[in-house]
Amino acid sequence: PSAAAQEYLVAELGVALGDVQVVSAEMTQFSDSCLGLGQADESCLQAITPGWIIMLDVAGQSYEAHTDETGQQVRVVGLMD
């Protein structure tokens, strides 16, 4: 999941993979299928979803990524479309 979060930031920010550092990764359980980061116009299934909260650093800027258990779904606080 950490690698998926790093790759997400590389794509979104246009930075090199080496510029994205993993600060911490903590297992958690989100209360919905949107990993706790659903948008107002989005329908999220209310179900316990195992996943990770991953803190990343890019040139001194902190980012909080939420992923599902496998890293297939990645959402970053403040970078949602």
Protein backbone atom coordinates (compact mmCIF):
# COMPACT_ATOMS: atom_id res chain seq x y z
CA PRO A 1 0.00 0.00 0.00
CA SER A 2 2.86 2.46 0.68
CA ALA A 3 4.20 2.02 -2.86
CA ALA A 4 0.73 2.64 -4.31
CA ALA A 5 0.42 5.85 -2.28
CA GLN A 6 3.86 6.98 -3.48
CA GLU A 7 2.95 6.26 -7.11
CA TYR A 8 -0.33 8.17 -6.69
CA LEU A 9 1.55 11.28 -5.54
CA VAL A 10 4.09 10.92 -8.36
CA ALA A 11 1.23 10.96 -10.88
CA GLU A 12 -0.76 13.74 -9.19
CA LEU A 13 2.13 16.08 -8.39
CA GLY A 14 4.45 15.32 -11.29
CA VAL A 15 7.41 14.59 -9.00
CA ALA A 16 10.00 11.82 -9.09
CA LEU A 17 9.40 8.66 -7.06
CA GLY A 18 12.58 9.40 -5.08
CA ASP A 19 11.05 12.70 -3.94
CA VAL A 20 8.16 10.96 -2.16
CA GLN A 21 9.20 9.65 1.25
CA VAL A 22 7.04 7.39 3.43
CA VAL A 23 7.00 8.81 6.96
CA SER A 24 4.65 6.27 8.54
CA ALA A 25 2.08 3.60 7.71
CA GLU A 26 -0.59 2.47 10.13
CA MET A 27 -3.24 -0.21 9.67
CA THR A 28 -6.76 1.00 10.33
CA GLN A 29 -10.42 0.31 9.60
CA PHE A 30 -12.41 2.91 7.69
CA SER A 31 -16.16 3.20 8.24
CA ASP A 32 -16.99 3.30 4.53
CA SER A 33 -15.87 2.13 1.09
CA CYS A 34 -14.52 5.63 0.30
CA LEU A 35 -11.81 5.18 2.94
CA GLY A 36 -13.23 8.00 5.02
CA LEU A 37 -12.68 10.53 2.20
CA GLY A 38 -15.96 10.49 0.27
CA GLN A 39 -16.99 13.53 -1.75
CA ALA A 40 -20.37 15.27 -1.43
CA ASP A 41 -21.54 13.92 -4.83
CA GLU A 42 -20.24 10.40 -4.19
CA SER A 43 -22.13 7.42 -2.79
CA CYS A 44 -20.05 5.41 -0.32
CA LEU A 45 -21.04 2.00 0.99
CA GLN A 46 -21.23 2.09 4.79
CA ALA A 47 -19.09 -0.93 5.64
CA ILE A 48 -15.98 -1.55 7.70
CA THR A 49 -13.11 -1.39 5.20
CA PRO A 50 -9.64 -2.49 6.32
CA GLY A 51 -6.83 -0.31 5.07
CA TRP A 52 -3.91 1.96 5.81
CA ILE A 53 -3.27 5.58 6.72
CA ILE A 54 0.07 6.48 5.17
CA MET A 55 1.87 9.72 5.90
CA LEU A 56 4.16 10.90 3.12
CA ASP A 57 6.55 13.81 2.64
CA VAL A 58 7.34 15.59 -0.64
CA ALA A 59 9.93 18.37 -0.29
CA GLY A 60 8.79 19.21 3.23
CA GLN A 61 5.06 19.08 2.40
CA SER A 62 3.10 16.40 4.30
CA TYR A 63 0.39 14.31 2.69
CA GLU A 64 -2.05 11.85 4.29
CA ALA A 65 -3.00 8.95 2.05
CA HIS A 66 -5.76 6.43 2.76
CA THR A 67 -5.55 3.07 0.96
CA ASP A 68 -7.53 -0.11 1.05
CA GLU A 69 -5.86 -3.24 2.42
CA THR A 70 -4.04 -4.05 -0.83
CA GLY A 71 -3.29 -0.52 -2.04
CA GLN A 72 -5.56 -0.90 -5.06
CA GLN A 73 -7.63 2.12 -4.00
CA VAL A 74 -5.74 5.27 -2.97
CA ARG A 75 -7.14 8.61 -1.79
CA VAL A 76 -5.09 11.55 -0.57
CA VAL A 77 -6.49 14.23 1.75
CA GLY A 78 -6.78 17.48 -0.23
CA LEU A 79 -5.98 15.89 -3.61
CA MET A 80 -9.36 14.43 -4.46
CA ASP A 81 -10.74 15.12 -7.94
